[in-house]
Amino acid sequence: SELETKVSEFEAQFTKSNPSDETLEQYNKTK
């Protein structure tokens, strides 16, 4: 449940602005 919430938060950020390399790395690690 916690991880799914984090993934959703990352994806919500991606719709507003292009993610940085660090953010993409965190997103992939969370996935």
Full PDB file with SEQRES, HELIX, SHEET, SSBOND, CRYST1, ORIGX, SCALE, CONECT and MASTER records, all heavy atoms in Angstrom:
SEQRES   1 A   31  SER GLU LEU GLU THR LYS VAL SER GLU PHE GLU ALA GLN          
SEQRES   2 A   31  PHE THR LYS SER ASN PRO SER ASP GLU THR LEU GLU GLN          
SEQRES   3 A   31  TYR ASN LYS THR LYS                                          
HELIX    1 AA1 GLU A    2  PHE A   14  1                                  13    
HELIX    2 AA2 ASP A   21  THR A   30  1                                  10    
CRYST1    1.000    1.000    1.000  90.00  90.00  90.00 P 1           1          
ORIGX1      1.000000  0.000000  0.000000        0.00000                         
ORIGX2      0.000000  1.000000  0.000000        0.00000                         
ORIGX3      0.000000  0.000000  1.000000        0.00000                         
SCALE1      1.000000  0.000000  0.000000        0.00000                         
SCALE2      0.000000  1.000000  0.000000        0.00000                         
SCALE3      0.000000  0.000000  1.000000        0.00000                         
ATOM      1  N   SER A   1       0.825  -1.209   0.000  1.00  0.00           N  
ATOM      2  CA  SER A   1       0.000   0.000   0.000  1.00  0.00           C  
ATOM      3  C   SER A   1       0.864   1.267   0.000  1.00  0.00           C  
ATOM      4  O   SER A   1       0.592   2.227  -0.736  1.00  0.00           O  
ATOM      5  CB  SER A   1      -0.930  -0.015   1.219  1.00  0.00           C  
ATOM      6  OG  SER A   1      -1.724   1.148   1.254  1.00  0.00           O  
ATOM      7  N   GLU A   2       1.906   1.249   0.830  1.00  0.00           N  
ATOM      8  CA  GLU A   2       2.812   2.413   0.902  1.00  0.00           C  
ATOM      9  C   GLU A   2       3.539   2.629  -0.427  1.00  0.00           C  
ATOM     10  O   GLU A   2       3.652   3.766  -0.923  1.00  0.00           O  
ATOM     11  CB  GLU A   2       3.842   2.205   2.020  1.00  0.00           C  
ATOM     12  CG  GLU A   2       3.255   2.267   3.423  1.00  0.00           C  
ATOM     13  CD  GLU A   2       4.285   1.920   4.486  1.00  0.00           C  
ATOM     14  OE1 GLU A   2       5.474   1.763   4.128  1.00  0.00           O  
ATOM     15  OE2 GLU A   2       3.896   1.788   5.667  1.00  0.00           O  
ATOM     16  N   LEU A   3       4.051   1.537  -1.023  1.00  0.00           N  
ATOM     17  CA  LEU A   3       4.791   1.641  -2.284  1.00  0.00           C  
ATOM     18  C   LEU A   3       3.890   2.105  -3.423  1.00  0.00           C  
ATOM     19  O   LEU A   3       4.301   2.902  -4.280  1.00  0.00           O  
ATOM     20  CB  LEU A   3       5.435   0.294  -2.621  1.00  0.00           C  
ATOM     21  CG  LEU A   3       6.582  -0.139  -1.687  1.00  0.00           C  
ATOM     22  CD1 LEU A   3       6.969  -1.590  -1.951  1.00  0.00           C  
ATOM     23  CD2 LEU A   3       7.806   0.765  -1.874  1.00  0.00           C  
ATOM     24  N   GLU A   4       2.645   1.583  -3.448  1.00  0.00           N  
ATOM     25  CA  GLU A   4       1.704   2.006  -4.495  1.00  0.00           C  
ATOM     26  C   GLU A   4       1.401   3.498  -4.380  1.00  0.00           C  
ATOM     27  O   GLU A   4       1.259   4.194  -5.397  1.00  0.00           O  
ATOM     28  CB  GLU A   4       0.417   1.181  -4.402  1.00  0.00           C  
ATOM     29  CG  GLU A   4       0.567  -0.234  -4.929  1.00  0.00           C  
ATOM     30  CD  GLU A   4      -0.697  -1.055  -4.776  1.00  0.00           C  
ATOM     31  OE1 GLU A   4      -1.517  -0.727  -3.889  1.00  0.00           O  
ATOM     32  OE2 GLU A   4      -0.869  -2.022  -5.529  1.00  0.00           O  
ATOM     33  N   THR A   5       1.317   3.992  -3.153  1.00  0.00           N  
ATOM     34  CA  THR A   5       1.085   5.423  -2.941  1.00  0.00           C  
ATOM     35  C   THR A   5       2.259   6.244  -3.472  1.00  0.00           C  
ATOM     36  O   THR A   5       2.079   7.270  -4.147  1.00  0.00           O  
ATOM     37  CB  THR A   5       0.877   5.712  -1.439  1.00  0.00           C  
ATOM     38  OG1 THR A   5      -0.240   4.957  -0.966  1.00  0.00           O  
ATOM     39  CG2 THR A   5       0.609   7.195  -1.192  1.00  0.00           C  
ATOM     40  N   LYS A   6       3.479   5.770  -3.202  1.00  0.00           N  
ATOM     41  CA  LYS A   6       4.679   6.478  -3.686  1.00  0.00           C  
ATOM     42  C   LYS A   6       4.733   6.495  -5.211  1.00  0.00           C  
ATOM     43  O   LYS A   6       5.047   7.523  -5.831  1.00  0.00           O  
ATOM     44  CB  LYS A   6       5.941   5.814  -3.128  1.00  0.00           C  
ATOM     45  CG  LYS A   6       6.189   6.090  -1.658  1.00  0.00           C  
ATOM     46  CD  LYS A   6       7.492   5.450  -1.207  1.00  0.00           C  
ATOM     47  CE  LYS A   6       7.752   5.718   0.274  1.00  0.00           C  
ATOM     48  NZ  LYS A   6       9.013   5.081   0.734  1.00  0.00           N  
ATOM     49  N   VAL A   7       4.443   5.347  -5.835  1.00  0.00           N  
ATOM     50  CA  VAL A   7       4.448   5.264  -7.298  1.00  0.00           C  
ATOM     51  C   VAL A   7       3.445   6.251  -7.891  1.00  0.00           C  
ATOM     52  O   VAL A   7       3.728   6.957  -8.865  1.00  0.00           O  
ATOM     53  CB  VAL A   7       4.152   3.820  -7.759  1.00  0.00           C  
ATOM     54  CG1 VAL A   7       3.874   3.774  -9.267  1.00  0.00           C  
ATOM     55  CG2 VAL A   7       5.311   2.895  -7.423  1.00  0.00           C  
ATOM     56  N   SER A   8       2.242   6.308  -7.288  1.00  0.00           N  
ATOM     57  CA  SER A   8       1.206   7.232  -7.769  1.00  0.00           C  
ATOM     58  C   SER A   8       1.660   8.680  -7.645  1.00  0.00           C  
ATOM     59  O   SER A   8       1.382   9.511  -8.524  1.00  0.00           O  
ATOM     60  CB  SER A   8      -0.096   7.018  -6.976  1.00  0.00           C  
ATOM     61  OG  SER A   8      -0.596   5.721  -7.168  1.00  0.00           O  
ATOM     62  N   GLU A   9       2.364   8.989  -6.552  1.00  0.00           N  
ATOM     63  CA  GLU A   9       2.848  10.360  -6.351  1.00  0.00           C  
ATOM     64  C   GLU A   9       3.890  10.739  -7.408  1.00  0.00           C  
ATOM     65  O   GLU A   9       3.887  11.853  -7.943  1.00  0.00           O  
ATOM     66  CB  GLU A   9       3.439  10.500  -4.938  1.00  0.00           C  
ATOM     67  CG  GLU A   9       2.387  10.480  -3.847  1.00  0.00           C  
ATOM     68  CD  GLU A   9       2.996  10.427  -2.451  1.00  0.00           C  
ATOM     69  OE1 GLU A   9       4.238  10.257  -2.345  1.00  0.00           O  
ATOM     70  OE2 GLU A   9       2.234  10.535  -1.463  1.00  0.00           O  
ATOM     71  N   PHE A  10       4.817   9.771  -7.702  1.00  0.00           N  
ATOM     72  CA  PHE A  10       5.823  10.020  -8.747  1.00  0.00           C  
ATOM     73  C   PHE A  10       5.136  10.291 -10.088  1.00  0.00           C  
ATOM     74  O   PHE A  10       5.474  11.242 -10.806  1.00  0.00           O  
ATOM     75  CB  PHE A  10       6.762   8.816  -8.890  1.00  0.00           C  
ATOM     76  CG  PHE A  10       7.879   8.792  -7.895  1.00  0.00           C  
ATOM     77  CD1 PHE A  10       8.076   7.697  -7.054  1.00  0.00           C  
ATOM     78  CD2 PHE A  10       8.768   9.863  -7.809  1.00  0.00           C  
ATOM     79  CE1 PHE A  10       9.113   7.667  -6.147  1.00  0.00           C  
ATOM     80  CE2 PHE A  10       9.827   9.836  -6.895  1.00  0.00           C  
ATOM     81  CZ  PHE A  10       9.990   8.744  -6.053  1.00  0.00           C  
ATOM     82  N   GLU A  11       4.168   9.431 -10.441  1.00  0.00           N  
ATOM     83  CA  GLU A  11       3.498   9.540 -11.741  1.00  0.00           C  
ATOM     84  C   GLU A  11       2.697  10.830 -11.846  1.00  0.00           C  
ATOM     85  O   GLU A  11       2.564  11.410 -12.931  1.00  0.00           O  
ATOM     86  CB  GLU A  11       2.616   8.313 -11.978  1.00  0.00           C  
ATOM     87  CG  GLU A  11       3.450   7.044 -12.196  1.00  0.00           C  
ATOM     88  CD  GLU A  11       2.616   5.780 -12.254  1.00  0.00           C  
ATOM     89  OE1 GLU A  11       1.415   5.836 -11.898  1.00  0.00           O  
ATOM     90  OE2 GLU A  11       3.155   4.723 -12.656  1.00  0.00           O  
ATOM     91  N   ALA A  12       2.157  11.288 -10.699  1.00  0.00           N  
ATOM     92  CA  ALA A  12       1.438  12.570 -10.699  1.00  0.00           C  
ATOM     93  C   ALA A  12       2.399  13.729 -10.985  1.00  0.00           C  
ATOM     94  O   ALA A  12       2.052  14.686 -11.690  1.00  0.00           O  
ATOM     95  CB  ALA A  12       0.751  12.774  -9.346  1.00  0.00           C  
ATOM     96  N   GLN A  13       3.633  13.616 -10.455  1.00  0.00           N  
ATOM     97  CA  GLN A  13       4.656  14.651 -10.715  1.00  0.00           C  
ATOM     98  C   GLN A  13       5.040  14.676 -12.195  1.00  0.00           C  
ATOM     99  O   GLN A  13       5.244  15.740 -12.793  1.00  0.00           O  
ATOM    100  CB  GLN A  13       5.910  14.389  -9.883  1.00  0.00           C  
ATOM    101  CG  GLN A  13       5.755  14.666  -8.395  1.00  0.00           C  
ATOM    102  CD  GLN A  13       7.028  14.331  -7.627  1.00  0.00           C  
ATOM    103  OE1 GLN A  13       8.116  14.291  -8.210  1.00  0.00           O  
ATOM    104  NE2 GLN A  13       6.880  14.079  -6.337  1.00  0.00           N  
ATOM    105  N   PHE A  14       5.117  13.475 -12.807  1.00  0.00           N  
ATOM    106  CA  PHE A  14       5.551  13.379 -14.198  1.00  0.00           C  
ATOM    107  C   PHE A  14       4.584  14.075 -15.150  1.00  0.00           C  
ATOM    108  O   PHE A  14       4.978  14.512 -16.236  1.00  0.00           O  
ATOM    109  CB  PHE A  14       5.714  11.914 -14.619  1.00  0.00           C  
ATOM    110  CG  PHE A  14       6.763  11.157 -13.840  1.00  0.00           C  
ATOM    111  CD1 PHE A  14       6.787   9.766 -13.824  1.00  0.00           C  
ATOM    112  CD2 PHE A  14       7.731  11.837 -13.104  1.00  0.00           C  
ATOM    113  CE1 PHE A  14       7.745   9.068 -13.116  1.00  0.00           C  
ATOM    114  CE2 PHE A  14       8.697  11.143 -12.388  1.00  0.00           C  
ATOM    115  CZ  PHE A  14       8.704   9.759 -12.386  1.00  0.00           C  
ATOM    116  N   THR A  15       3.300  14.159 -14.790  1.00  0.00           N  
ATOM    117  CA  THR A  15       2.321  14.825 -15.658  1.00  0.00           C  
ATOM    118  C   THR A  15       2.462  16.343 -15.620  1.00  0.00           C  
ATOM    119  O   THR A  15       1.963  17.041 -16.503  1.00  0.00           O  
ATOM    120  CB  THR A  15       0.888  14.450 -15.224  1.00  0.00           C  
ATOM    121  OG1 THR A  15       0.674  14.888 -13.875  1.00  0.00           O  
ATOM    122  CG2 THR A  15       0.662  12.949 -15.319  1.00  0.00           C  
ATOM    123  N   LYS A  16       3.147  16.838 -14.572  1.00  0.00           N  
ATOM    124  CA  LYS A  16       3.285  18.296 -14.417  1.00  0.00           C  
ATOM    125  C   LYS A  16       4.609  18.809 -14.971  1.00  0.00           C  
ATOM    126  O   LYS A  16       4.711  19.922 -15.481  1.00  0.00           O  
ATOM    127  CB  LYS A  16       3.161  18.672 -12.931  1.00  0.00           C  
ATOM    128  CG  LYS A  16       1.795  18.353 -12.330  1.00  0.00           C  
ATOM    129  CD  LYS A  16       1.772  18.645 -10.839  1.00  0.00           C  
ATOM    130  CE  LYS A  16       0.443  18.250 -10.222  1.00  0.00           C  
ATOM    131  NZ  LYS A  16       0.424  18.464  -8.753  1.00  0.00           N  
ATOM    132  N   SER A  17       5.675  18.006 -14.848  1.00  0.00           N  
ATOM    133  CA  SER A  17       6.996  18.451 -15.314  1.00  0.00           C  
ATOM    134  C   SER A  17       7.864  17.245 -15.635  1.00  0.00           C  
ATOM    135  O   SER A  17       7.599  16.140 -15.165  1.00  0.00           O  
ATOM    136  CB  SER A  17       7.676  19.308 -14.240  1.00  0.00           C  
ATOM    137  OG  SER A  17       7.865  18.558 -13.054  1.00  0.00           O  
ATOM    138  N   ASN A  18       8.887  17.461 -16.428  1.00  0.00           N  
ATOM    139  CA  ASN A  18       9.806  16.380 -16.764  1.00  0.00           C  
ATOM    140  C   ASN A  18      10.635  15.997 -15.537  1.00  0.00           C  
ATOM    141  O   ASN A  18      11.190  16.863 -14.852  1.00  0.00           O  
ATOM    142  CB  ASN A  18      10.742  16.804 -17.898  1.00  0.00           C  
ATOM    143  CG  ASN A  18       9.986  16.969 -19.203  1.00  0.00           C  
ATOM    144  OD1 ASN A  18       9.029  16.243 -19.457  1.00  0.00           O  
ATOM    145  ND2 ASN A  18      10.426  17.919 -20.027  1.00  0.00           N  
ATOM    146  N   PRO A  19      10.743  14.702 -15.252  1.00  0.00           N  
ATOM    147  CA  PRO A  19      11.477  14.270 -14.057  1.00  0.00           C  
ATOM    148  C   PRO A  19      12.983  14.371 -14.254  1.00  0.00           C  
ATOM    149  O   PRO A  19      13.496  14.224 -15.370  1.00  0.00           O  
ATOM    150  CB  PRO A  19      11.053  12.820 -13.884  1.00  0.00           C  
ATOM    151  CG  PRO A  19      10.730  12.358 -15.273  1.00  0.00           C  
ATOM    152  CD  PRO A  19      10.163  13.550 -15.977  1.00  0.00           C  
ATOM    153  N   SER A  20      13.693  14.592 -13.181  1.00  0.00           N  
ATOM    154  CA  SER A  20      15.152  14.584 -13.209  1.00  0.00           C  
ATOM    155  C   SER A  20      15.640  13.145 -13.214  1.00  0.00           C  
ATOM    156  O   SER A  20      14.881  12.207 -12.930  1.00  0.00           O  
ATOM    157  CB  SER A  20      15.705  15.314 -11.986  1.00  0.00           C  
ATOM    158  OG  SER A  20      15.344  14.603 -10.812  1.00  0.00           O  
ATOM    159  N   ASP A  21      16.928  12.963 -13.539  1.00  0.00           N  
ATOM    160  CA  ASP A  21      17.506  11.608 -13.541  1.00  0.00           C  
ATOM    161  C   ASP A  21      17.405  10.971 -12.158  1.00  0.00           C  
ATOM    162  O   ASP A  21      17.138   9.768 -12.025  1.00  0.00           O  
ATOM    163  CB  ASP A  21      18.972  11.668 -13.982  1.00  0.00           C  
ATOM    164  CG  ASP A  21      19.113  12.051 -15.448  1.00  0.00           C  
ATOM    165  OD1 ASP A  21      18.105  11.919 -16.174  1.00  0.00           O  
ATOM    166  OD2 ASP A  21      20.213  12.480 -15.850  1.00  0.00           O  
ATOM    167  N   GLU A  22      17.622  11.774 -11.126  1.00  0.00           N  
ATOM    168  CA  GLU A  22      17.558  11.258  -9.741  1.00  0.00           C  
ATOM    169  C   GLU A  22      16.143  10.789  -9.395  1.00  0.00           C  
ATOM    170  O   GLU A  22      15.950   9.730  -8.783  1.00  0.00           O  
ATOM    171  CB  GLU A  22      18.010  12.351  -8.774  1.00  0.00           C  
ATOM    172  CG  GLU A  22      18.092  11.870  -7.322  1.00  0.00           C  
ATOM    173  CD  GLU A  22      18.517  12.983  -6.378  1.00  0.00           C  
ATOM    174  OE1 GLU A  22      18.910  14.073  -6.863  1.00  0.00           O  
ATOM    175  OE2 GLU A  22      18.440  12.757  -5.162  1.00  0.00           O  
ATOM    176  N   THR A  23      15.146  11.598  -9.843  1.00  0.00           N  
ATOM    177  CA  THR A  23      13.748  11.234  -9.573  1.00  0.00           C  
ATOM    178  C   THR A  23      13.378   9.954 -10.307  1.00  0.00           C  
ATOM    179  O   THR A  23      12.700   9.075  -9.751  1.00  0.00           O  
ATOM    180  CB  THR A  23      12.799  12.375  -9.996  1.00  0.00           C  
ATOM    181  OG1 THR A  23      13.165  13.564  -9.310  1.00  0.00           O  
ATOM    182  CG2 THR A  23      11.353  12.024  -9.669  1.00  0.00           C  
ATOM    183  N   LEU A  24      13.823   9.845 -11.571  1.00  0.00           N  
ATOM    184  CA  LEU A  24      13.540   8.623 -12.339  1.00  0.00           C  
ATOM    185  C   LEU A  24      14.171   7.399 -11.686  1.00  0.00           C  
ATOM    186  O   LEU A  24      13.587   6.317 -11.645  1.00  0.00           O  
ATOM    187  CB  LEU A  24      14.079   8.772 -13.767  1.00  0.00           C  
ATOM    188  CG  LEU A  24      13.147   9.440 -14.784  1.00  0.00           C  
ATOM    189  CD1 LEU A  24      13.863   9.644 -16.105  1.00  0.00           C  
ATOM    190  CD2 LEU A  24      11.881   8.608 -14.973  1.00  0.00           C  
ATOM    191  N   GLU A  25      15.365   7.577 -11.158  1.00  0.00           N  
ATOM    192  CA  GLU A  25      16.046   6.467 -10.473  1.00  0.00           C  
ATOM    193  C   GLU A  25      15.259   6.028  -9.229  1.00  0.00           C  
ATOM    194  O   GLU A  25      15.080   4.831  -8.976  1.00  0.00           O  
ATOM    195  CB  GLU A  25      17.467   6.905 -10.091  1.00  0.00           C  
ATOM    196  CG  GLU A  25      18.300   5.758  -9.515  1.00  0.00           C  
ATOM    197  CD  GLU A  25      19.718   6.199  -9.176  1.00  0.00           C  
ATOM    198  OE1 GLU A  25      20.134   7.297  -9.606  1.00  0.00           O  
ATOM    199  OE2 GLU A  25      20.392   5.431  -8.465  1.00  0.00           O  
ATOM    200  N   GLN A  26      14.779   7.006  -8.460  1.00  0.00           N  
ATOM    201  CA  GLN A  26      13.972   6.695  -7.265  1.00  0.00           C  
ATOM    202  C   GLN A  26      12.664   5.993  -7.661  1.00  0.00           C  
ATOM    203  O   GLN A  26      12.215   5.053  -6.996  1.00  0.00           O  
ATOM    204  CB  GLN A  26      13.667   7.979  -6.496  1.00  0.00           C  
ATOM    205  CG  GLN A  26      14.876   8.591  -5.807  1.00  0.00           C  
ATOM    206  CD  GLN A  26      14.554   9.913  -5.143  1.00  0.00           C  
ATOM    207  OE1 GLN A  26      13.500  10.504  -5.385  1.00  0.00           O  
ATOM    208  NE2 GLN A  26      15.484  10.391  -4.320  1.00  0.00           N  
ATOM    209  N   TYR A  27      12.067   6.494  -8.768  1.00  0.00           N  
ATOM    210  CA  TYR A  27      10.807   5.908  -9.259  1.00  0.00           C  
ATOM    211  C   TYR A  27      11.013   4.443  -9.646  1.00  0.00           C  
ATOM    212  O   TYR A  27      10.241   3.558  -9.244  1.00  0.00           O  
ATOM    213  CB  TYR A  27      10.306   6.720 -10.448  1.00  0.00           C  
ATOM    214  CG  TYR A  27       9.126   6.092 -11.171  1.00  0.00           C  
ATOM    215  CD1 TYR A  27       7.868   6.031 -10.585  1.00  0.00           C  
ATOM    216  CD2 TYR A  27       9.292   5.558 -12.459  1.00  0.00           C  
ATOM    217  CE1 TYR A  27       6.789   5.464 -11.257  1.00  0.00           C  
ATOM    218  CE2 TYR A  27       8.230   4.987 -13.140  1.00  0.00           C  
ATOM    219  CZ  TYR A  27       6.968   4.938 -12.528  1.00  0.00           C  
ATOM    220  OH  TYR A  27       5.912   4.370 -13.178  1.00  0.00           O  
ATOM    221  N   ASN A  28      12.067   4.173 -10.418  1.00  0.00           N  
ATOM    222  CA  ASN A  28      12.337   2.797 -10.858  1.00  0.00           C  
ATOM    223  C   ASN A  28      12.661   1.878  -9.681  1.00  0.00           C  
ATOM    224  O   ASN A  28      12.257   0.715  -9.648  1.00  0.00           O  
ATOM    225  CB  ASN A  28      13.493   2.788 -11.865  1.00  0.00           C  
ATOM    226  CG  ASN A  28      13.090   3.417 -13.196  1.00  0.00           C  
ATOM    227  OD1 ASN A  28      11.941   3.308 -13.600  1.00  0.00           O  
ATOM    228  ND2 ASN A  28      14.040   4.067 -13.867  1.00  0.00           N  
ATOM    229  N   LYS A  29      13.384   2.424  -8.703  1.00  0.00           N  
ATOM    230  CA  LYS A  29      13.718   1.638  -7.507  1.00  0.00           C  
ATOM    231  C   LYS A  29      12.444   1.282  -6.724  1.00  0.00           C  
ATOM    232  O   LYS A  29      12.285   0.156  -6.237  1.00  0.00           O  
ATOM    233  CB  LYS A  29      14.682   2.439  -6.627  1.00  0.00           C  
ATOM    234  CG  LYS A  29      15.195   1.649  -5.428  1.00  0.00           C  
ATOM    235  CD  LYS A  29      16.206   2.470  -4.628  1.00  0.00           C  
ATOM    236  CE  LYS A  29      16.706   1.664  -3.430  1.00  0.00           C  
ATOM    237  NZ  LYS A  29      17.660   2.434  -2.602  1.00  0.00           N  
ATOM    238  N   THR A  30      11.539   2.266  -6.624  1.00  0.00           N  
ATOM    239  CA  THR A  30      10.266   2.033  -5.919  1.00  0.00           C  
ATOM    240  C   THR A  30       9.436   0.981  -6.650  1.00  0.00           C  
ATOM    241  O   THR A  30       8.819   0.107  -6.027  1.00  0.00           O  
ATOM    242  CB  THR A  30       9.459   3.346  -5.797  1.00  0.00           C  
ATOM    243  OG1 THR A  30      10.270   4.338  -5.173  1.00  0.00           O  
ATOM    244  CG2 THR A  30       8.198   3.138  -4.982  1.00  0.00           C  
ATOM    245  N   LYS A  31       9.430   1.052  -7.994  1.00  0.00           N  
ATOM    246  CA  LYS A  31       8.681   0.066  -8.787  1.00  0.00           C  
ATOM    247  C   LYS A  31       9.251  -1.339  -8.582  1.00  0.00           C  
ATOM    248  O   LYS A  31       8.496  -2.317  -8.472  1.00  0.00           O  
ATOM    249  CB  LYS A  31       8.765   0.432 -10.276  1.00  0.00           C  
ATOM    250  CG  LYS A  31       7.915   1.630 -10.666  1.00  0.00           C  
ATOM    251  CD  LYS A  31       6.507   1.239 -11.086  1.00  0.00           C  
ATOM    252  CE  LYS A  31       6.512   0.570 -12.426  1.00  0.00           C  
ATOM    253  NZ  LYS A  31       5.127   0.209 -12.854  1.00  0.00           N  
TER     254      LYS A  31                                                      
MASTER        0    0    0    2    0    0    0    6  253    1    0    3          
END                                                                             
